[in-house]
C-alpha atoms as a PDB file:
ATOM      1  CA  MET A   1     -29.611   8.472 -13.928  1.00  0.00           C
ATOM      2  CA  ALA A   2     -26.433   8.731 -15.965  1.00  0.00           C
ATOM      3  CA  ASP A   3     -24.667   5.574 -17.030  1.00  0.00           C
ATOM      4  CA  TYR A   4     -21.328   4.925 -15.324  1.00  0.00           C
ATOM      5  CA  GLU A   5     -18.905   2.106 -15.866  1.00  0.00           C
ATOM      6  CA  ILE A   6     -18.568   0.102 -12.627  1.00  0.00           C
ATOM      7  CA  PRO A   7     -16.360  -2.972 -13.183  1.00  0.00           C
ATOM      8  CA  ASP A   8     -17.370  -6.086 -11.249  1.00  0.00           C
ATOM      9  CA  ASP A   9     -13.821  -6.985 -10.173  1.00  0.00           C
ATOM     10  CA  LEU A  10     -13.188  -3.848  -8.089  1.00  0.00           C
ATOM     11  CA  ARG A  11     -14.173  -2.499  -4.672  1.00  0.00           C
ATOM     12  CA  TYR A  12     -15.282   1.110  -4.173  1.00  0.00           C
ATOM     13  CA  SER A  13     -15.176   3.837  -1.538  1.00  0.00           C
ATOM     14  CA  GLU A  14     -17.937   6.351  -0.849  1.00  0.00           C
ATOM     15  CA  ASP A  15     -15.358   8.962  -1.910  1.00  0.00           C
ATOM     16  CA  ASP A  16     -15.457   7.527  -5.460  1.00  0.00           C
ATOM     17  CA  GLU A  17     -12.116   5.747  -5.475  1.00  0.00           C
ATOM     18  CA  TRP A  18     -11.710   2.162  -6.638  1.00  0.00           C
ATOM     19  CA  VAL A  19      -9.354  -0.550  -5.370  1.00  0.00           C
ATOM     20  CA  ARG A  20      -8.107  -3.631  -7.202  1.00  0.00           C
ATOM     21  CA  ARG A  21      -6.187  -6.149  -5.125  1.00  0.00           C
ATOM     22  CA  ASP A  22      -3.583  -7.658  -7.452  1.00  0.00           C
ATOM     23  CA  ASP A  23      -2.147 -10.125  -4.960  1.00  0.00           C
ATOM     24  CA  ASP A  24      -2.041 -10.581  -1.198  1.00  0.00           C
ATOM     25  CA  ASP A  25      -1.099  -7.031  -0.321  1.00  0.00           C
ATOM     26  CA  ARG A  26      -0.662  -5.074  -3.567  1.00  0.00           C
ATOM     27  CA  CYS A  27      -3.646  -2.810  -4.270  1.00  0.00           C
ATOM     28  CA  VAL A  28      -4.064  -0.497  -7.246  1.00  0.00           C
ATOM     29  CA  VAL A  29      -6.113   2.658  -6.551  1.00  0.00           C
ATOM     30  CA  GLY A  30      -7.805   5.122  -8.891  1.00  0.00           C
ATOM     31  CA  ILE A  31     -10.932   7.246  -9.206  1.00  0.00           C
ATOM     32  CA  THR A  32     -14.195   5.928 -10.576  1.00  0.00           C
ATOM     33  CA  ASP A  33     -15.876   6.703 -13.865  1.00  0.00           C
ATOM     34  CA  TYR A  34     -18.500   8.650 -11.899  1.00  0.00           C
ATOM     35  CA  ALA A  35     -15.785  10.796 -10.276  1.00  0.00           C
ATOM     36  CA  GLN A  36     -13.949  11.561 -13.507  1.00  0.00           C
ATOM     37  CA  GLN A  37     -17.218  12.488 -15.241  1.00  0.00           C
ATOM     38  CA  GLN A  38     -18.172  14.813 -12.373  1.00  0.00           C
ATOM     39  CA  LEU A  39     -14.745  16.468 -12.431  1.00  0.00           C
ATOM     40  CA  GLY A  40     -14.658  17.027 -16.182  1.00  0.00           C
ATOM     41  CA  ASP A  41     -11.381  17.505 -18.035  1.00  0.00           C
ATOM     42  CA  ILE A  42      -8.574  16.636 -15.637  1.00  0.00           C
ATOM     43  CA  VAL A  43      -5.559  18.910 -15.973  1.00  0.00           C
ATOM     44  CA  TYR A  44      -3.353  17.967 -12.991  1.00  0.00           C
ATOM     45  CA  VAL A  45      -2.836  15.117 -10.522  1.00  0.00           C
ATOM     46  CA  GLU A  46      -0.683  15.595  -7.416  1.00  0.00           C
ATOM     47  CA  LEU A  47       0.747  12.250  -6.310  1.00  0.00           C
ATOM     48  CA  PRO A  48       2.226  11.165  -2.981  1.00  0.00           C
ATOM     49  CA  GLU A  49       5.858  10.125  -2.587  1.00  0.00           C
ATOM     50  CA  VAL A  50       6.730   6.467  -3.124  1.00  0.00           C
ATOM     51  CA  GLY A  51       7.481   5.024   0.303  1.00  0.00           C
ATOM     52  CA  SER A  52       5.096   7.355   2.112  1.00  0.00           C
ATOM     53  CA  ASN A  53       2.245   5.969   4.194  1.00  0.00           C
ATOM     54  CA  ILE A  54      -1.372   6.858   3.580  1.00  0.00           C
ATOM     55  CA  GLU A  55      -4.261   6.495   6.006  1.00  0.00           C
ATOM     56  CA  LYS A  56      -7.767   5.372   5.070  1.00  0.00           C
ATOM     57  CA  GLY A  57     -10.042   8.398   4.739  1.00  0.00           C
ATOM     58  CA  GLU A  58      -7.176  10.902   4.704  1.00  0.00           C
ATOM     59  CA  PRO A  59      -6.022  12.954   1.675  1.00  0.00           C
ATOM     60  CA  PHE A  60      -3.094  11.465  -0.234  1.00  0.00           C
ATOM     61  CA  GLY A  61      -3.070  13.772  -3.243  1.00  0.00           C
ATOM     62  CA  VAL A  62      -5.039  16.275  -5.270  1.00  0.00           C
ATOM     63  CA  ILE A  63      -6.822  16.035  -8.602  1.00  0.00           C
ATOM     64  CA  GLU A  64      -7.561  19.212 -10.529  1.00  0.00           C
ATOM     65  CA  SER A  65      -9.922  19.688 -13.437  1.00  0.00           C
ATOM     66  CA  VAL A  66     -11.136  22.670 -15.390  1.00  0.00           C
ATOM     67  CA  LYS A  67     -14.142  22.724 -13.007  1.00  0.00           C
ATOM     68  CA  ALA A  68     -12.756  21.867  -9.558  1.00  0.00           C
ATOM     69  CA  VAL A  69      -9.861  20.925  -7.321  1.00  0.00           C
ATOM     70  CA  SER A  70     -10.518  17.856  -5.150  1.00  0.00           C
ATOM     71  CA  ASP A  71      -8.574  15.922  -2.554  1.00  0.00           C
ATOM     72  CA  LEU A  72      -7.912  12.281  -3.298  1.00  0.00           C
ATOM     73  CA  LEU A  73      -8.957  10.391  -0.162  1.00  0.00           C
ATOM     74  CA  ALA A  74      -7.314   7.070   0.609  1.00  0.00           C
ATOM     75  CA  PRO A  75      -9.783   4.172   0.352  1.00  0.00           C
ATOM     76  CA  ILE A  76      -7.307   1.979   2.259  1.00  0.00           C
ATOM     77  CA  SER A  77      -4.226   2.477   4.425  1.00  0.00           C
ATOM     78  CA  GLY A  78      -0.707   1.411   3.570  1.00  0.00           C
ATOM     79  CA  GLU A  79       2.648   2.221   2.064  1.00  0.00           C
ATOM     80  CA  VAL A  80       2.726   3.749  -1.398  1.00  0.00           C
ATOM     81  CA  LEU A  81       4.645   1.300  -3.616  1.00  0.00           C
ATOM     82  CA  GLU A  82       4.181   3.055  -6.956  1.00  0.00           C
ATOM     83  CA  VAL A  83       2.673   6.208  -8.401  1.00  0.00           C
ATOM     84  CA  ASN A  84       1.492   6.642 -11.972  1.00  0.00           C
ATOM     85  CA  GLU A  85       4.131   9.119 -13.091  1.00  0.00           C
ATOM     86  CA  ALA A  86       2.658   9.181 -16.608  1.00  0.00           C
ATOM     87  CA  LEU A  87      -0.152  11.335 -15.184  1.00  0.00           C
ATOM     88  CA  GLY A  88       2.362  14.178 -14.770  1.00  0.00           C
ATOM     89  CA  ASP A  89       2.538  14.601 -18.541  1.00  0.00           C
ATOM     90  CA  ALA A  90      -0.916  13.243 -19.386  1.00  0.00           C
ATOM     91  CA  PRO A  91      -3.415  13.792 -16.534  1.00  0.00           C
ATOM     92  CA  GLU A  92      -6.246  13.423 -19.050  1.00  0.00           C
ATOM     93  CA  THR A  93      -5.508   9.679 -19.039  1.00  0.00           C
ATOM     94  CA  VAL A  94      -7.716   9.525 -15.932  1.00  0.00           C
ATOM     95  CA  ASN A  95     -10.649  10.738 -18.086  1.00  0.00           C
ATOM     96  CA  GLU A  96      -9.801   8.414 -20.955  1.00  0.00           C
ATOM     97  CA  ASP A  97      -9.153   5.175 -19.031  1.00  0.00           C
ATOM     98  CA  CYS A  98      -9.837   5.609 -15.299  1.00  0.00           C
ATOM     99  CA  TYR A  99      -9.822   1.851 -14.628  1.00  0.00           C
ATOM    100  CA  GLY A 100      -6.750   1.086 -16.734  1.00  0.00           C
ATOM    101  CA  GLU A 101      -3.907   3.400 -17.718  1.00  0.00           C
ATOM    102  CA  GLY A 102      -5.416   6.146 -15.538  1.00  0.00           C
ATOM    103  CA  TRP A 103      -4.684   4.352 -12.236  1.00  0.00           C
ATOM    104  CA  ILE A 104      -3.200   6.656  -9.595  1.00  0.00           C
ATOM    105  CA  ILE A 105      -1.198   4.714  -6.972  1.00  0.00           C
ATOM    106  CA  VAL A 106      -0.283   1.207  -5.827  1.00  0.00           C
ATOM    107  CA  VAL A 107      -0.462   0.598  -2.079  1.00  0.00           C
ATOM    108  CA  ALA A 108       0.764  -2.259   0.109  1.00  0.00           C
ATOM    109  CA  ASN A 109      -2.244  -3.282   2.203  1.00  0.00           C
ATOM    110  CA  ASP A 110      -2.766  -6.677   3.794  1.00  0.00           C
ATOM    111  CA  ASP A 111      -5.724  -5.619   5.942  1.00  0.00           C
ATOM    112  CA  ASP A 112      -8.553  -7.845   4.712  1.00  0.00           C
ATOM    113  CA  GLU A 113     -11.077  -5.961   6.838  1.00  0.00           C
ATOM    114  CA  GLU A 114     -10.272  -2.606   5.203  1.00  0.00           C
ATOM    115  CA  HIS A 115     -10.718  -4.194   1.797  1.00  0.00           C
ATOM    116  CA  GLU A 116     -13.910  -6.029   2.719  1.00  0.00           C
ATOM    117  CA  ILE A 117     -15.703  -2.937   4.068  1.00  0.00           C
ATOM    118  CA  LEU A 118     -15.292  -1.214   0.712  1.00  0.00           C
ATOM    119  CA  LEU A 119     -18.424  -1.297  -1.436  1.00  0.00           C
ATOM    120  CA  ASP A 120     -18.909  -4.075  -3.943  1.00  0.00           C
ATOM    121  CA  PRO A 121     -20.151  -3.028  -7.413  1.00  0.00           C
ATOM    122  CA  THR A 122     -23.833  -3.523  -6.550  1.00  0.00           C
ATOM    123  CA  ALA A 123     -23.549  -1.492  -3.342  1.00  0.00           C
ATOM    124  CA  TYR A 124     -21.628   1.257  -5.149  1.00  0.00           C
ATOM    125  CA  ARG A 125     -24.324   1.493  -7.864  1.00  0.00           C
ATOM    126  CA  LYS A 126     -26.968   1.753  -5.134  1.00  0.00           C
ATOM    127  CA  TYR A 127     -24.901   4.408  -3.347  1.00  0.00           C
ATOM    128  CA  LEU A 128     -24.683   6.484  -6.540  1.00  0.00           C
ATOM    129  CA  ASP A 129     -28.441   6.102  -7.112  1.00  0.00           C
ATOM    130  CA  GLU A 130     -29.209   7.243  -3.571  1.00  0.00           C
ATOM    131  CA  ARG A 131     -27.116  10.373  -3.876  1.00  0.00           C
ATOM    132  CA  GLY A 132     -28.536  11.188  -7.287  1.00  0.00           C
ATOM    133  CA  GLY A 133     -25.480  10.126  -9.301  1.00  0.00           C
END
């Protein structure tokens, strides 16, 4: 099995997005190290509009690499508060620092249940192992 960085302070979706709750309802969302490695060199990220609403499990944007084009699926529902506009000029930042400067959006979400049903780091590692990641 390949070695992927899976920070302990995040929650994960089975669609390979991560969520970091910064305060009561502010959640930062990005793609995991596994996802960025599978995609390869990222060349474009399509972001939603600030103020738009996203629904858990539904596409909110697109990420394009030299190998594939993939929908970004919302790990949680809520209003988009911020988008990482720096990715417009430097989409490769997702490859370089997917858990830091390569974040994708910030969402307002105060639904504890949606957050709690996301995978913890141990469950996400197991999920990757089971699917051969």
